[in-house]
Amino acid sequence: MKIYQEVKKFKGRPFRYFVSVLPPDHVMHTQLQVAVDRRLTATGTRWMVRAGTRYADPDLQLTRPEGDSREFGERMSYDLDTALAIATLLAPKLSLRAMNGRTAADLINDDLLADSRRKVDEWRQQRPVRRMFPPPEAVVTPRPLLPRYRVSLVRLGRKPEPHGTTTRYGQGCRCTRCREALGDFYEDWRLSRRQDRARAEVYYLGLPTRVANALCREGIWTLQELVLSDISDLKDIRNIGRGAISQLEALIADAEDQLFFTSISLSGVIA
């Protein structure tokens, strides 16, 4: 595990070391680092290992100053090499209350795992994709049917359809002509649906789209066909429930009234 050290100097002389297992660009670098502070004593320069407001003893136990501060400082001070060794052993074990027992070493392992996953994802993106079918812009020459399709057609007594038909596409051929035939079929089908909807009068009577679609499926396109239909037959249509039946009954009644008054006015004009 890599150890990162940082030295603070004053007038060219170091007075504090920072030791951490997290890189300087890590978001938790400043929170999870051990400080080695210089302490001037009568016997010379000593160093104390500090993590936050607690100091480390040779057993890597962190305690706060208690009682006589001078006695505590003499007991917790070491030479520089020993202090750095204690800080190096203590740095991977640092943790915060908000980390729920996780240490700095756990964060390093998580970063290594995330880096490995990122490298795998980059490798997958750079790897050439194996396509099941060629892209639409590629020109594919017609090929014979696969053996399983040929055997099934022989058993059914059917012959393979020619290329450029939707039936041959359904039999397993994926040549350019068969795929273009399938695309043309879908385009014609969408166009016919749009034309049917444009000439369908039931879509403009204020009915819900679901009800209008159900009526068109049964061949009821205009208001006249709806008036001539039987209510009992309309109840058997899928997607038409009680609410739709009440709407249709009100619509049919209004249409019949309009037709009745129109016939009276026309009879008066003729008379």
Protein backbone atom coordinates (compact mmCIF):
# COMPACT_ATOMS: atom_id res chain seq x y z
CA MET A 1 0.00 0.00 0.00
CA LYS A 2 1.43 3.35 -1.03
CA ILE A 3 2.13 5.96 1.66
CA TYR A 4 1.94 9.68 0.94
CA GLN A 5 4.03 12.07 3.04
CA GLU A 6 3.94 15.84 3.13
CA VAL A 7 6.43 18.05 5.00
CA LYS A 8 5.74 21.49 6.43
CA LYS A 9 8.82 23.67 6.98
CA PHE A 10 9.53 26.92 8.74
CA LYS A 11 12.73 28.76 7.83
CA GLY A 12 13.98 25.64 6.10
CA ARG A 13 13.44 23.33 9.07
CA PRO A 14 10.59 20.78 9.14
CA PHE A 15 8.13 21.17 11.98
CA ARG A 16 5.28 18.86 10.87
CA TYR A 17 4.81 15.77 8.70
CA PHE A 18 1.52 14.53 7.25
CA VAL A 19 1.17 10.79 6.52
CA SER A 20 -1.79 9.27 4.64
CA VAL A 21 -2.61 6.29 2.47
CA LEU A 22 -5.00 8.35 0.37
CA PRO A 23 -3.64 10.32 -2.59
CA PRO A 24 -3.63 14.13 -2.32
CA ASP A 25 -6.47 14.46 -4.85
CA HIS A 26 -8.75 12.18 -2.82
CA VAL A 27 -11.77 13.87 -1.25
CA MET A 28 -10.97 12.37 2.20
CA HIS A 29 -7.23 13.03 2.11
CA THR A 30 -7.22 15.86 4.67
CA GLN A 31 -9.66 14.11 7.03
CA LEU A 32 -7.82 10.78 7.11
CA GLN A 33 -4.19 11.73 7.62
CA VAL A 34 -1.78 11.44 10.57
CA ALA A 35 0.25 14.45 11.69
CA VAL A 36 3.73 14.15 13.19
CA ASP A 37 4.36 17.35 15.19
CA ARG A 38 7.72 18.59 16.43
CA ARG A 39 8.10 19.14 20.17
CA LEU A 40 11.02 20.95 21.72
CA THR A 41 12.17 19.55 25.05
CA ALA A 42 15.15 20.03 27.34
CA THR A 43 16.74 16.89 25.97
CA GLY A 44 16.29 17.86 22.32
CA THR A 45 13.75 17.66 19.53
CA ARG A 46 11.03 15.05 19.89
CA TRP A 47 8.05 14.17 17.73
CA MET A 48 4.43 13.34 18.60
CA VAL A 49 2.02 11.38 16.43
CA ARG A 50 -1.42 13.00 16.27
CA ALA A 51 -4.70 12.08 14.57
CA GLY A 52 -7.11 14.95 15.03
CA THR A 53 -7.01 15.86 18.74
CA ARG A 54 -5.74 12.46 19.93
CA TYR A 55 -2.19 11.20 20.19
CA ALA A 56 -0.87 7.74 19.42
CA ASP A 57 1.15 5.51 21.75
CA PRO A 58 3.49 2.70 20.58
CA ASP A 59 0.51 0.28 20.60
CA LEU A 60 -1.32 2.49 18.06
CA GLN A 61 -3.93 3.47 20.65
CA LEU A 62 -5.25 7.04 20.39
CA THR A 63 -5.77 8.98 23.63
CA ARG A 64 -6.45 12.61 24.52
CA PRO A 65 -4.20 14.57 26.89
CA GLU A 66 -5.13 14.00 30.54
CA GLY A 67 -3.59 15.22 33.78
CA ASP A 68 -0.11 16.68 33.57
CA SER A 69 0.48 17.81 30.00
CA ARG A 70 4.27 17.68 30.42
CA GLU A 71 4.23 14.08 31.58
CA PHE A 72 1.81 13.19 28.78
CA GLY A 73 4.06 14.86 26.20
CA GLU A 74 7.15 13.02 27.41
CA ARG A 75 5.33 9.72 27.33
CA MET A 76 3.90 10.28 23.81
CA SER A 77 7.01 11.75 22.13
CA TYR A 78 9.50 9.76 20.04
CA ASP A 79 12.40 10.29 17.72
CA LEU A 80 11.58 11.13 14.08
CA ASP A 81 12.06 7.63 12.63
CA THR A 82 9.91 6.00 15.30
CA ALA A 83 7.20 8.64 14.96
CA LEU A 84 7.05 8.21 11.19
CA ALA A 85 6.90 4.43 11.57
CA ILE A 86 3.98 4.73 14.02
CA ALA A 87 2.22 7.17 11.66
CA THR A 88 2.74 4.81 8.74
CA LEU A 89 1.15 1.92 10.66
CA LEU A 90 -1.67 4.10 11.95
CA ALA A 91 -2.65 5.78 8.66
CA PRO A 92 -4.50 2.77 7.08
CA LYS A 93 -6.53 2.28 10.29
CA LEU A 94 -7.91 5.81 10.53
CA SER A 95 -11.67 6.12 10.44
CA LEU A 96 -14.42 8.65 11.04
CA ARG A 97 -17.69 8.28 12.91
CA ALA A 98 -19.68 8.93 9.74
CA MET A 99 -17.87 6.09 7.94
CA ASN A 100 -19.57 3.39 10.09
CA GLY A 101 -16.36 1.57 10.96
CA ARG A 102 -14.81 1.73 7.50
CA THR A 103 -11.14 2.69 7.41
CA ALA A 104 -8.86 4.47 4.98
CA ALA A 105 -7.65 1.09 3.71
CA ASP A 106 -11.25 0.20 2.83
CA LEU A 107 -11.52 3.39 0.80
CA ILE A 108 -8.33 2.47 -1.06
CA ASN A 109 -9.75 -0.98 -1.85
CA ASP A 110 -13.01 0.60 -3.07
CA ASP A 111 -11.05 2.97 -5.32
CA LEU A 112 -9.01 0.07 -6.71
CA LEU A 113 -12.19 -1.89 -7.38
CA ALA A 114 -13.84 1.11 -9.07
CA ASP A 115 -10.70 1.68 -11.14
CA SER A 116 -10.71 -1.97 -12.21
CA ARG A 117 -14.36 -1.75 -13.19
CA ARG A 118 -13.68 1.43 -15.16
CA LYS A 119 -10.85 -0.27 -17.05
CA VAL A 120 -13.10 -3.24 -17.83
CA ASP A 121 -15.82 -0.91 -19.12
CA GLU A 122 -13.29 0.90 -21.32
CA TRP A 123 -12.08 -2.42 -22.67
CA ARG A 124 -15.65 -3.47 -23.43
CA GLN A 125 -16.31 -0.21 -25.27
CA GLN A 126 -13.14 -0.57 -27.35
CA ARG A 127 -13.81 -4.22 -28.12
CA PRO A 128 -15.37 -4.75 -31.57
CA VAL A 129 -19.06 -5.55 -31.30
CA ARG A 130 -20.15 -8.82 -32.84
CA ARG A 131 -23.38 -8.17 -34.72
CA MET A 132 -25.98 -10.86 -35.19
CA PHE A 133 -27.15 -9.23 -38.44
CA PRO A 134 -25.25 -6.81 -40.69
CA PRO A 135 -26.18 -3.10 -40.49
CA PRO A 136 -28.89 -1.84 -42.89
CA GLU A 137 -26.43 0.11 -45.02
CA ALA A 138 -24.33 -2.99 -45.75
CA VAL A 139 -25.07 -4.83 -49.00
CA VAL A 140 -25.64 -8.50 -48.30
CA THR A 141 -25.76 -10.99 -51.10
CA PRO A 142 -28.61 -13.52 -51.06
CA ARG A 143 -27.72 -16.74 -49.36
CA PRO A 144 -29.44 -20.11 -49.16
CA LEU A 145 -31.73 -20.94 -46.29
CA LEU A 146 -30.33 -22.33 -43.12
CA PRO A 147 -30.55 -26.12 -42.79
CA ARG A 148 -33.20 -26.02 -40.07
CA TYR A 149 -35.49 -23.85 -42.22
CA ARG A 150 -34.89 -26.03 -45.29
CA VAL A 151 -35.74 -29.21 -43.36
CA SER A 152 -38.89 -27.69 -41.90
CA LEU A 153 -40.07 -26.50 -45.33
CA VAL A 154 -39.44 -29.92 -46.85
CA ARG A 155 -41.45 -31.55 -44.08
CA LEU A 156 -44.35 -29.19 -44.72
CA GLY A 157 -44.14 -29.75 -48.46
CA ARG A 158 -43.49 -26.07 -49.18
CA LYS A 159 -40.92 -24.48 -51.44
CA PRO A 160 -38.76 -21.51 -50.44
CA GLU A 161 -40.20 -18.19 -51.58
CA PRO A 162 -38.14 -15.98 -53.91
CA HIS A 163 -35.97 -13.22 -52.52
CA GLY A 164 -37.45 -9.77 -52.01
CA THR A 165 -40.62 -10.97 -50.23
CA THR A 166 -41.74 -10.82 -46.63
CA THR A 167 -42.47 -14.53 -46.67
CA ARG A 168 -38.84 -15.32 -47.49
CA TYR A 169 -37.82 -13.00 -44.64
CA GLY A 170 -40.07 -14.97 -42.32
CA GLN A 171 -38.41 -18.19 -43.53
CA GLY A 172 -35.06 -16.95 -42.21
CA CYS A 173 -33.42 -15.05 -45.07
CA ARG A 174 -31.75 -11.76 -44.11
CA CYS A 175 -30.49 -10.51 -47.44
CA THR A 176 -30.83 -6.88 -48.48
CA ARG A 177 -33.78 -7.48 -50.78
CA CYS A 178 -35.78 -9.36 -48.16
CA ARG A 179 -35.13 -6.73 -45.50
CA GLU A 180 -36.12 -3.95 -47.91
CA ALA A 181 -39.33 -5.84 -48.68
CA LEU A 182 -40.13 -6.06 -44.98
CA GLY A 183 -39.44 -2.32 -44.55
CA ASP A 184 -41.71 -1.48 -47.51
CA PHE A 185 -44.45 -3.68 -46.05
CA TYR A 186 -44.32 -1.87 -42.71
CA GLU A 187 -44.27 1.54 -44.43
CA ASP A 188 -47.33 0.65 -46.55
CA TRP A 189 -49.09 -0.64 -43.46
CA ARG A 190 -48.43 2.59 -41.53
CA LEU A 191 -49.61 4.66 -44.52
CA SER A 192 -52.81 2.64 -44.81
CA ARG A 193 -53.45 3.09 -41.10
CA ARG A 194 -53.02 6.85 -41.42
CA GLN A 195 -55.35 6.95 -44.42
CA ASP A 196 -57.96 4.84 -42.63
CA ARG A 197 -57.81 7.14 -39.63
CA ALA A 198 -58.12 10.22 -41.85
CA ARG A 199 -61.31 8.93 -43.49
CA ALA A 200 -62.76 7.47 -40.28
CA GLU A 201 -65.52 9.72 -38.98
CA VAL A 202 -65.68 8.10 -35.54
CA TYR A 203 -62.39 9.77 -34.55
CA TYR A 204 -64.05 13.19 -34.82
CA LEU A 205 -67.18 12.50 -32.75
CA GLY A 206 -65.58 13.26 -29.37
CA LEU A 207 -65.19 9.61 -28.40
CA PRO A 208 -62.11 8.30 -26.57
CA THR A 209 -59.40 6.96 -28.84
CA ARG A 210 -59.74 3.50 -27.35
CA VAL A 211 -63.46 3.39 -28.26
CA ALA A 212 -62.84 4.77 -31.74
CA ASN A 213 -60.14 2.15 -32.38
CA ALA A 214 -62.48 -0.61 -31.23
CA LEU A 215 -65.25 0.60 -33.59
CA CYS A 216 -62.83 0.77 -36.53
CA ARG A 217 -61.71 -2.78 -35.85
CA GLU A 218 -65.33 -3.88 -36.21
CA GLY A 219 -65.78 -1.97 -39.48
CA ILE A 220 -67.77 0.95 -38.07
CA TRP A 221 -66.17 4.02 -39.65
CA THR A 222 -68.94 6.62 -39.97
CA LEU A 223 -71.75 8.00 -37.85
CA GLN A 224 -74.33 6.45 -40.13
CA GLU A 225 -72.87 2.98 -39.61
CA LEU A 226 -72.86 3.62 -35.88
CA VAL A 227 -76.55 4.64 -35.86
CA LEU A 228 -77.50 1.56 -37.86
CA SER A 229 -75.63 -0.74 -35.45
CA ASP A 230 -77.35 -2.58 -32.62
CA ILE A 231 -76.44 -1.67 -29.05
CA SER A 232 -76.38 -5.34 -28.05
CA ASP A 233 -73.74 -5.97 -30.71
CA LEU A 234 -71.69 -3.01 -29.55
CA LYS A 235 -71.56 -4.42 -26.01
CA ASP A 236 -69.71 -7.50 -27.27
CA ILE A 237 -66.87 -5.46 -28.79
CA ARG A 238 -63.58 -5.59 -26.91
CA ASN A 239 -62.48 -2.37 -25.10
CA ILE A 240 -66.05 -1.05 -24.97
CA GLY A 241 -67.40 -1.06 -21.41
CA ARG A 242 -70.35 0.46 -19.60
CA GLY A 243 -69.07 4.02 -19.79
CA ALA A 244 -68.43 3.72 -23.52
CA ILE A 245 -71.88 2.21 -24.06
CA SER A 246 -73.53 5.17 -22.31
CA GLN A 247 -71.54 7.59 -24.47
CA LEU A 248 -72.49 5.72 -27.63
CA GLU A 249 -76.18 5.64 -26.64
CA ALA A 250 -76.19 9.41 -26.07
CA LEU A 251 -74.40 9.98 -29.37
CA ILE A 252 -76.80 7.74 -31.28
CA ALA A 253 -79.82 9.46 -29.68
CA ASP A 254 -78.55 12.91 -30.66
CA ALA A 255 -77.84 11.70 -34.20
CA GLU A 256 -81.34 10.20 -34.53
CA ASP A 257 -82.94 13.44 -33.31
CA GLN A 258 -80.95 15.45 -35.83
CA LEU A 259 -81.95 13.07 -38.61
CA PHE A 260 -85.63 13.25 -37.50
CA PHE A 261 -85.78 17.04 -37.51
CA THR A 262 -83.89 17.15 -40.80
CA SER A 263 -86.44 14.82 -42.40
CA ILE A 264 -89.34 16.99 -41.08
CA SER A 265 -87.81 20.15 -42.50
CA LEU A 266 -87.17 18.51 -45.83
CA SER A 267 -90.77 17.20 -46.00
CA GLY A 268 -92.08 20.71 -45.33
CA VAL A 269 -89.93 22.15 -48.09
CA ILE A 270 -91.06 19.49 -50.53
CA ALA A 271 -94.73 19.99 -49.61
